[in-house]
Amino acid sequence: MTRSYEANGVGVGSQETIIDPIIAIKPSAPQKIPQLVQDVQSRFETFANGSLDTRLELLEAARSLVHALETPQETLIQQAWVQPTAFAAIETCIDLGVFKVLAWSDEPKTVEELALKTGAAPDLLSRLLKHLAAVDVVVETGLDQYSRNGLTTTLSIKRYSDAWPAISGCSASAVSAMPIWFKENGYNSPIDGNNSPFQTGFRTECLFFDFLRGKNPDYPDLGSQFNNLMSAYHQGRASWMDPNTYPVQEKLIDGASTKENHVLIVDVGGNKGHDLEEFRLKWPNAPGRLILQDLPQILEDIKSLDSAIEPMAHDFYTEQPVKGARAYFLHSVLHDWSDETCQLILRRLVDAMTPGYSKLLINENVVPDIGAHCQATSLDLIMLADLGARERTEKQWREVIAPTGLVISKIWTPVNSAESLIECELKEIG
């Protein structure tokens, strides 16, 4: 029997099921709560006993417990109200310099003091900081009085705080426009960056990278802000070059050329050189030159660089000028582009590689078919919105790489990491 319904019916065609709205105010997964409590306790005990590697597992278990305990109505409030307004309040306080003032010392500051130092109206600051205290961005120590915590202090560092204006300037509006773009385009994925939610959200004909080059008038420093976001993105994360992940000594250093001026690694599209600087720090005795390649305007924005790293202006669409390097390295480059463009970039490197000697190392997300991490899935949707691109599964990576003359030797994934290292070599002929 078909039943009529009001606002709480779901179903397909004429057959509808009545959903009791009481579900919205009950925990989302009550059956999971006992086990999750045990998981949190167990991981906390391991963490408290000095196992720092357990921190991420404890964090994930705690988040899962919160999600199970939280009601759908509470989740609605968090995602629709709390998170968007917190983002806007943080960006405003970054712009005003509020976090820099709070980070000077542990001594609490009143709203009146902060208003005098920043030029903001006290009433506005009071409202912003009340919300930021409610979400633990600052510490409320009294009536209209605040102090710092670790996040507050981190937000006083430009390398990290630039993430907020960078996202506002080139991604937030694109992400918000996804529902209307999908509706207007038959609920298909965009195939390139010329027609994607980016153009709809920002009401522009520009491409994403045009905005990074200064075509968003509201964010004139967007390019450098985005570069800082990229340089901070990897901080504190498991790295492919750590000894317990990719065997750098065995795979790169052993067997490397001992000839004068030989090149060990070419970091293609390497931004400000943070990967090569990390490599230099962790493998200081590795022989050979380290070359950082990116567009001239990117390299010009570098304020400091290890003297052992050689900057070289290069467009990866063009012929690779460094021939026969031990390794060519790409970090978060190919996820910006369609399969066809990725293959063009890869073929330029294939032409420069020495068979049986050179390697191609691709440091990207390899999205699991099941149980993908939210860092990878959220970035996938940002790539979709901004560039009509994607984060790829292992199958999709193999489909991109195979036609270029490369073969995947192995995919190396650090423990508790959303990123992997895809090691490739030239296919043997014959």
Protein backbone atom coordinates (compact mmCIF):
# COMPACT_ATOMS: atom_id res chain seq x y z
CA MET A 1 0.00 0.00 0.00
CA THR A 2 1.32 3.42 -0.99
CA ARG A 3 1.28 5.95 1.83
CA SER A 4 1.09 9.72 1.61
CA TYR A 5 3.69 11.75 3.45
CA GLU A 6 4.62 15.31 4.31
CA ALA A 7 8.20 16.47 4.77
CA ASN A 8 9.62 13.26 6.10
CA GLY A 9 9.05 10.82 3.25
CA VAL A 10 11.78 9.20 1.18
CA GLY A 11 11.64 6.75 -1.67
CA VAL A 12 11.56 6.29 -5.41
CA GLY A 13 8.55 6.66 -7.66
CA SER A 14 5.22 6.10 -5.93
CA GLN A 15 6.55 3.85 -3.17
CA GLU A 16 7.49 5.98 -0.17
CA THR A 17 8.73 5.13 3.29
CA ILE A 18 7.88 7.27 6.27
CA ILE A 19 10.92 8.24 8.32
CA ASP A 20 10.35 9.07 11.96
CA PRO A 21 12.00 12.50 12.48
CA ILE A 22 13.00 11.49 16.01
CA ILE A 23 16.09 9.95 14.40
CA ALA A 24 17.52 13.46 13.95
CA ILE A 25 17.91 13.95 17.68
CA LYS A 26 19.36 10.57 18.56
CA PRO A 27 23.07 9.58 18.36
CA SER A 28 24.01 8.69 14.80
CA ALA A 29 25.55 5.30 15.58
CA PRO A 30 24.68 4.26 19.13
CA GLN A 31 25.57 0.61 18.49
CA LYS A 32 29.21 1.60 17.84
CA ILE A 33 29.69 3.69 20.98
CA PRO A 34 30.80 0.95 23.44
CA GLN A 35 33.49 -0.40 21.11
CA LEU A 36 34.68 3.11 20.20
CA VAL A 37 35.02 4.01 23.88
CA GLN A 38 37.20 0.92 24.31
CA ASP A 39 39.25 1.87 21.22
CA VAL A 40 39.86 5.36 22.57
CA GLN A 41 40.88 4.03 25.99
CA SER A 42 43.20 1.42 24.51
CA ARG A 43 44.91 3.85 22.17
CA PHE A 44 45.21 6.45 24.91
CA GLU A 45 47.00 3.99 27.17
CA THR A 46 49.47 3.17 24.40
CA PHE A 47 49.94 6.85 23.62
CA ALA A 48 50.41 7.71 27.33
CA ASN A 49 53.12 5.04 27.57
CA GLY A 50 55.21 6.93 25.05
CA SER A 51 54.09 5.56 21.68
CA LEU A 52 53.87 8.77 19.69
CA ASP A 53 52.96 6.83 16.55
CA THR A 54 49.63 6.05 18.20
CA ARG A 55 48.59 9.71 18.30
CA LEU A 56 46.94 9.64 14.88
CA GLU A 57 45.14 6.39 15.69
CA LEU A 58 43.89 7.92 18.95
CA LEU A 59 42.77 11.03 17.08
CA GLU A 60 40.83 9.00 14.51
CA ALA A 61 39.23 6.87 17.22
CA ALA A 62 38.20 10.00 19.14
CA ARG A 63 36.69 11.53 16.03
CA SER A 64 34.78 8.36 15.27
CA LEU A 65 33.42 8.38 18.82
CA VAL A 66 32.29 12.00 18.48
CA HIS A 67 30.57 11.22 15.17
CA ALA A 68 28.79 8.23 16.70
CA LEU A 69 27.66 10.24 19.74
CA GLU A 70 26.62 13.31 17.78
CA THR A 71 23.03 13.52 16.62
CA PRO A 72 22.25 14.39 12.99
CA GLN A 73 20.76 17.68 14.22
CA GLU A 74 24.03 18.50 15.99
CA THR A 75 26.01 17.60 12.88
CA LEU A 76 23.78 19.93 10.87
CA ILE A 77 24.59 22.80 13.21
CA GLN A 78 28.31 22.02 13.11
CA GLN A 79 28.56 21.87 9.33
CA ALA A 80 26.03 24.55 8.40
CA TRP A 81 26.74 27.16 11.08
CA VAL A 82 29.76 26.51 13.26
CA GLN A 83 32.43 25.59 10.70
CA PRO A 84 31.71 28.23 8.01
CA THR A 85 31.49 31.08 10.54
CA ALA A 86 34.63 29.92 12.35
CA PHE A 87 36.51 29.95 9.04
CA ALA A 88 35.34 33.51 8.32
CA ALA A 89 36.14 34.68 11.86
CA ILE A 90 39.64 33.20 11.67
CA GLU A 91 40.36 34.86 8.32
CA THR A 92 39.13 38.20 9.66
CA CYS A 93 41.32 37.96 12.75
CA ILE A 94 44.31 36.97 10.60
CA ASP A 95 43.73 40.08 8.50
CA LEU A 96 43.50 42.25 11.62
CA GLY A 97 46.60 40.73 13.23
CA VAL A 98 44.69 39.58 16.33
CA PHE A 99 46.56 36.28 16.60
CA LYS A 100 49.94 38.01 16.41
CA VAL A 101 49.02 40.18 19.39
CA LEU A 102 47.74 37.21 21.41
CA ALA A 103 50.82 35.17 20.54
CA TRP A 104 53.25 37.66 22.10
CA SER A 105 52.87 36.14 25.58
CA ASP A 106 50.67 34.00 27.81
CA GLU A 107 49.25 37.13 29.39
CA PRO A 108 45.54 37.51 28.54
CA LYS A 109 44.43 40.49 26.45
CA THR A 110 41.14 42.31 26.72
CA VAL A 111 38.98 43.08 23.73
CA GLU A 112 39.65 46.78 24.34
CA GLU A 113 43.43 46.17 24.15
CA LEU A 114 43.06 44.13 20.99
CA ALA A 115 40.81 46.77 19.45
CA LEU A 116 43.41 49.49 20.12
CA LYS A 117 46.20 47.43 18.57
CA THR A 118 44.24 46.27 15.51
CA GLY A 119 41.91 49.18 14.76
CA ALA A 120 38.81 46.98 14.85
CA ALA A 121 35.60 47.99 16.58
CA PRO A 122 35.43 46.44 20.09
CA ASP A 123 31.91 45.13 19.50
CA LEU A 124 32.99 43.27 16.37
CA LEU A 125 36.06 41.79 18.03
CA SER A 126 34.00 40.68 21.01
CA ARG A 127 31.60 38.78 18.77
CA LEU A 128 34.35 37.17 16.68
CA LEU A 129 36.41 36.08 19.67
CA LYS A 130 33.44 34.64 21.55
CA HIS A 131 32.88 32.31 18.63
CA LEU A 132 36.56 31.46 18.26
CA ALA A 133 36.73 30.65 21.97
CA ALA A 134 33.69 28.39 21.56
CA VAL A 135 35.57 26.36 18.93
CA ASP A 136 38.90 26.38 20.83
CA VAL A 137 40.81 28.68 18.48
CA VAL A 138 41.54 31.05 21.40
CA VAL A 139 41.18 30.67 25.17
CA GLU A 140 38.52 32.68 27.01
CA THR A 141 39.98 33.78 30.37
CA GLY A 142 37.29 36.20 31.51
CA LEU A 143 34.66 38.65 30.31
CA ASP A 144 35.92 39.90 26.93
CA GLN A 145 39.41 38.62 27.78
CA TYR A 146 41.40 36.07 25.77
CA SER A 147 44.75 34.33 25.62
CA ARG A 148 46.61 31.99 23.30
CA ASN A 149 46.84 28.26 22.80
CA GLY A 150 48.87 26.27 20.27
CA LEU A 151 46.48 27.02 17.42
CA THR A 152 46.36 30.72 18.26
CA THR A 153 50.15 30.91 18.15
CA THR A 154 50.35 28.92 14.91
CA LEU A 155 47.89 31.36 13.33
CA SER A 156 50.37 34.14 14.04
CA ILE A 157 52.85 32.48 11.65
CA LYS A 158 52.26 33.65 8.10
CA ARG A 159 53.28 30.36 6.53
CA TYR A 160 50.30 28.73 8.24
CA SER A 161 47.79 31.56 8.49
CA ASP A 162 47.99 32.12 4.73
CA ALA A 163 45.95 28.93 4.31
CA TRP A 164 42.72 30.79 5.14
CA PRO A 165 42.93 33.63 2.60
CA ALA A 166 44.37 31.19 0.07
CA ILE A 167 41.33 28.94 0.34
CA SER A 168 38.95 31.92 0.28
CA GLY A 169 40.69 33.39 -2.73
CA CYS A 170 40.70 30.35 -4.99
CA SER A 171 38.58 27.50 -3.61
CA ALA A 172 35.79 28.37 -1.17
CA SER A 173 33.38 29.86 -3.71
CA ALA A 174 34.08 27.03 -6.14
CA VAL A 175 33.25 24.41 -3.53
CA SER A 176 30.06 26.27 -2.57
CA ALA A 177 29.02 26.31 -6.23
CA MET A 178 29.33 22.56 -6.70
CA PRO A 179 25.61 21.73 -6.16
CA ILE A 180 24.36 24.27 -8.72
CA TRP A 181 27.10 23.34 -11.23
CA PHE A 182 26.26 19.63 -10.92
CA LYS A 183 22.57 20.38 -11.43
CA GLU A 184 23.25 22.51 -14.50
CA ASN A 185 25.59 19.90 -15.97
CA GLY A 186 23.51 16.77 -15.57
CA TYR A 187 25.32 15.58 -12.43
CA ASN A 188 28.51 14.73 -14.29
CA SER A 189 32.09 15.38 -13.20
CA PRO A 190 33.83 18.27 -14.97
CA ILE A 191 36.46 17.11 -17.43
CA ASP A 192 38.79 20.14 -17.31
CA GLY A 193 39.32 23.48 -15.63
CA ASN A 194 37.68 25.53 -18.37
CA ASN A 195 34.17 24.58 -17.29
CA SER A 196 34.01 23.67 -13.63
CA PRO A 197 32.41 24.94 -10.41
CA PHE A 198 35.33 27.38 -10.17
CA GLN A 199 33.95 29.60 -12.95
CA THR A 200 30.43 29.40 -11.53
CA GLY A 201 31.43 30.15 -7.96
CA PHE A 202 33.81 33.01 -8.69
CA ARG A 203 31.70 34.35 -11.57
CA THR A 204 34.68 34.48 -13.85
CA GLU A 205 35.98 33.12 -17.14
CA CYS A 206 39.43 32.80 -15.59
CA LEU A 207 41.09 29.50 -14.82
CA PHE A 208 42.23 28.56 -11.31
CA PHE A 209 45.88 29.33 -12.05
CA ASP A 210 44.91 32.75 -13.43
CA PHE A 211 43.73 33.64 -9.95
CA LEU A 212 47.04 32.51 -8.51
CA ARG A 213 48.77 34.86 -10.93
CA GLY A 214 46.89 37.88 -9.61
CA LYS A 215 43.52 37.94 -11.38
CA ASN A 216 41.47 37.82 -8.18
CA PRO A 217 41.40 41.52 -7.28
CA ASP A 218 40.13 40.83 -3.77
CA TYR A 219 43.24 38.74 -3.00
CA PRO A 220 46.24 40.45 -4.63
CA ASP A 221 48.72 38.33 -2.66
CA LEU A 222 46.98 35.06 -3.48
CA GLY A 223 49.94 33.52 -5.31
CA SER A 224 52.32 33.82 -2.38
CA GLN A 225 49.59 32.83 0.08
CA PHE A 226 48.88 29.68 -1.92
CA ASN A 227 52.60 28.87 -2.07
CA ASN A 228 52.77 29.13 1.73
CA LEU A 229 49.76 26.83 2.03
CA MET A 230 51.53 24.27 -0.16
CA SER A 231 54.76 24.54 1.83
CA ALA A 232 52.92 24.07 5.15
CA TYR A 233 50.69 21.26 3.88
CA HIS A 234 53.34 18.58 4.38
CA GLN A 235 54.56 19.69 7.81
CA GLY A 236 54.20 17.06 10.53
CA ARG A 237 53.05 14.39 8.09
CA ALA A 238 54.74 11.06 7.47
CA SER A 239 57.21 11.43 4.62
CA TRP A 240 58.18 9.11 1.80
CA MET A 241 61.87 9.77 2.51
CA ASP A 242 61.75 8.58 6.11
CA PRO A 243 63.89 5.45 6.65
CA ASN A 244 60.88 3.26 7.49
CA THR A 245 59.09 4.04 4.22
CA TYR A 246 61.03 4.35 0.95
CA PRO A 247 64.54 2.83 1.04
CA VAL A 248 66.40 5.95 -0.10
CA GLN A 249 69.85 4.47 0.46
CA GLU A 250 69.11 1.33 -1.53
CA LYS A 251 66.94 2.84 -4.26
CA LEU A 252 68.54 6.24 -4.88
CA ILE A 253 71.98 6.55 -3.32
CA ASP A 254 73.39 3.09 -3.94
CA GLY A 255 74.19 2.81 -7.62
CA ALA A 256 74.00 6.57 -8.25
CA SER A 257 76.57 8.03 -10.60
CA THR A 258 79.81 9.26 -9.03
CA LYS A 259 80.65 11.49 -11.98
CA GLU A 260 81.23 15.16 -11.34
CA ASN A 261 78.06 17.29 -11.58
CA HIS A 262 75.75 14.29 -11.66
CA VAL A 263 72.17 15.06 -10.60
CA LEU A 264 70.57 13.00 -7.84
CA ILE A 265 67.05 14.52 -7.79
CA VAL A 266 65.15 16.96 -9.99
CA ASP A 267 62.09 18.28 -8.13
CA VAL A 268 59.75 19.19 -11.01
CA GLY A 269 57.16 21.83 -10.09
CA GLY A 270 58.68 21.86 -6.61
CA ASN A 271 57.28 25.21 -5.48
CA LYS A 272 59.53 26.72 -2.80
CA GLY A 273 61.77 23.70 -2.42
CA HIS A 274 60.36 22.35 0.84
CA ASP A 275 60.70 18.71 -0.29
CA LEU A 276 64.34 19.07 -1.30
CA GLU A 277 65.12 20.95 1.90
CA GLU A 278 63.57 18.10 3.88
CA PHE A 279 65.61 15.61 1.85
CA ARG A 280 68.78 17.58 2.48
CA LEU A 281 68.06 17.62 6.22
CA LYS A 282 67.33 13.89 6.45
CA TRP A 283 69.99 12.72 3.98
CA PRO A 284 72.77 15.31 4.32
CA ASN A 285 75.47 13.03 2.89
CA ALA A 286 73.58 11.98 -0.24
CA PRO A 287 75.86 12.64 -3.22
CA GLY A 288 74.86 14.58 -6.29
CA ARG A 289 73.09 17.80 -7.22
CA LEU A 290 69.57 18.69 -6.08
CA ILE A 291 67.67 20.79 -8.63
CA LEU A 292 64.44 22.66 -7.93
CA GLN A 293 62.34 23.45 -11.00
CA ASP A 294 59.30 25.71 -11.19
CA LEU A 295 58.03 28.76 -13.06
CA PRO A 296 60.11 31.94 -12.70
CA GLN A 297 57.48 33.79 -10.65
CA ILE A 298 57.38 30.93 -8.14
CA LEU A 299 61.15 30.82 -7.74
CA GLU A 300 61.32 34.61 -7.39
CA ASP A 301 59.01 34.41 -4.36
CA ILE A 302 61.44 32.19 -2.43
CA LYS A 303 62.88 34.09 0.53
CA SER A 304 65.52 31.52 1.50
CA LEU A 305 66.74 28.21 0.14
CA ASP A 306 69.43 25.75 1.21
CA SER A 307 72.58 26.63 -0.72
CA ALA A 308 72.93 23.00 -1.84
CA ILE A 309 69.69 23.28 -3.85
CA GLU A 310 69.88 24.78 -7.33
CA PRO A 311 66.79 26.70 -8.54
CA MET A 312 66.05 26.34 -12.25
CA ALA A 313 63.20 28.03 -14.11
CA HIS A 314 61.31 25.43 -16.12
CA ASP A 315 57.85 24.78 -17.56
CA PHE A 316 57.05 21.08 -17.29
CA TYR A 317 55.14 21.15 -20.58
CA THR A 318 58.44 21.70 -22.38
CA GLU A 319 61.51 19.51 -22.90
CA GLN A 320 63.20 18.51 -19.65
CA PRO A 321 66.66 20.15 -19.75
CA VAL A 322 68.25 17.88 -17.11
CA LYS A 323 69.06 14.56 -18.73
CA GLY A 324 69.84 11.31 -16.99
CA ALA A 325 69.11 12.28 -13.37
CA ARG A 326 68.90 9.50 -10.82
CA ALA A 327 65.36 10.57 -9.91
CA TYR A 328 62.71 12.97 -11.20
CA PHE A 329 60.28 13.89 -8.47
CA LEU A 330 56.71 15.22 -8.72
CA HIS A 331 54.82 16.15 -5.55
CA SER A 332 51.13 17.06 -5.81
CA VAL A 333 51.55 18.12 -9.43
CA LEU A 334 49.62 15.59 -11.48
CA HIS A 335 46.43 15.79 -9.41
CA ASP A 336 45.93 19.26 -10.93
CA TRP A 337 45.52 17.94 -14.44
CA SER A 338 43.47 15.70 -16.70
CA ASP A 339 44.81 12.28 -17.70
CA GLU A 340 45.89 13.61 -21.10
CA THR A 341 47.81 16.55 -19.62
CA CYS A 342 49.44 14.28 -17.04
CA GLN A 343 50.64 12.03 -19.84
CA LEU A 344 52.16 15.00 -21.66
CA ILE A 345 54.06 16.00 -18.52
CA LEU A 346 55.23 12.44 -17.93
CA ARG A 347 56.42 11.97 -21.52
CA ARG A 348 58.68 15.02 -21.18
CA LEU A 349 60.35 13.25 -18.25
CA VAL A 350 60.45 9.87 -19.98
CA ASP A 351 62.45 11.47 -22.80
CA ALA A 352 65.06 12.66 -20.27
CA MET A 353 65.40 9.43 -18.30
CA THR A 354 68.21 6.90 -18.67
CA PRO A 355 66.94 3.29 -19.02
CA GLY A 356 67.88 1.05 -16.11
CA TYR A 357 69.11 4.02 -14.06
CA SER A 358 66.61 6.85 -13.75
CA LYS A 359 63.47 6.68 -11.65
CA LEU A 360 60.32 8.74 -11.56
CA LEU A 361 58.90 9.33 -8.07
CA ILE A 362 55.31 10.58 -7.87
CA ASN A 363 54.28 11.75 -4.39
CA GLU A 364 50.48 11.91 -4.43
CA ASN A 365 47.36 10.52 -2.83
CA VAL A 366 46.52 6.99 -3.92
CA VAL A 367 42.91 6.83 -2.81
CA PRO A 368 41.94 3.42 -1.42
CA ASP A 369 38.90 1.74 -2.95
CA ILE A 370 37.53 1.28 0.58
CA GLY A 371 38.20 3.25 3.75
CA ALA A 372 39.66 6.37 2.13
CA HIS A 373 40.91 9.10 4.49
CA CYS A 374 38.95 12.36 4.60
CA GLN A 375 42.09 14.31 3.68
CA ALA A 376 42.19 12.50 0.35
CA THR A 377 38.44 12.61 -0.31
CA SER A 378 38.11 16.31 0.55
CA LEU A 379 41.08 17.20 -1.63
CA ASP A 380 39.55 15.16 -4.44
CA LEU A 381 36.44 17.36 -4.35
CA ILE A 382 38.55 20.54 -4.20
CA MET A 383 40.42 19.36 -7.29
CA LEU A 384 37.07 18.70 -8.95
CA ALA A 385 35.72 22.14 -8.07
CA ASP A 386 38.81 24.19 -8.90
CA LEU A 387 40.37 22.35 -11.82
CA GLY A 388 38.04 19.66 -13.08
CA ALA A 389 40.77 17.27 -11.89
CA ARG A 390 40.94 14.50 -9.29
CA GLU A 391 42.79 12.47 -6.70
CA ARG A 392 43.32 9.01 -8.19
CA THR A 393 42.94 5.42 -7.09
CA GLU A 394 45.68 2.88 -7.81
CA LYS A 395 43.76 1.65 -10.87
CA GLN A 396 43.42 5.22 -12.18
CA TRP A 397 47.14 5.90 -11.63
CA ARG A 398 48.05 2.79 -13.58
CA GLU A 399 45.76 3.87 -16.43
CA VAL A 400 47.45 7.28 -16.57
CA ILE A 401 51.01 6.02 -16.33
CA ALA A 402 50.96 2.92 -18.57
CA PRO A 403 50.70 4.69 -21.99
CA THR A 404 53.73 6.92 -21.29
CA GLY A 405 56.41 4.25 -21.44
CA LEU A 406 56.66 3.92 -17.68
CA VAL A 407 55.87 1.02 -15.40
CA ILE A 408 55.04 1.24 -11.69
CA SER A 409 57.70 -0.64 -9.71
CA LYS A 410 55.99 -0.26 -6.37
CA ILE A 411 53.67 2.02 -4.42
CA TRP A 412 55.10 2.96 -1.02
CA THR A 413 52.72 4.30 1.63
CA PRO A 414 53.88 5.60 5.04
CA VAL A 415 51.92 4.40 8.07
CA ASN A 416 48.93 6.67 8.86
CA SER A 417 49.50 8.75 5.75
CA ALA A 418 47.06 9.94 3.11
CA GLU A 419 49.89 10.24 0.57
CA SER A 420 51.97 7.59 -1.18
CA LEU A 421 55.11 7.42 -3.29
CA ILE A 422 54.62 5.85 -6.70
CA GLU A 423 57.99 4.56 -7.93
CA CYS A 424 58.20 4.27 -11.71
CA GLU A 425 60.87 3.11 -14.16
CA LEU A 426 61.10 2.94 -17.92
CA LYS A 427 59.52 -0.11 -19.51
CA GLU A 428 61.96 -2.60 -20.89
CA ILE A 429 61.86 -2.79 -24.67
CA GLY A 430 61.76 -6.23 -26.24
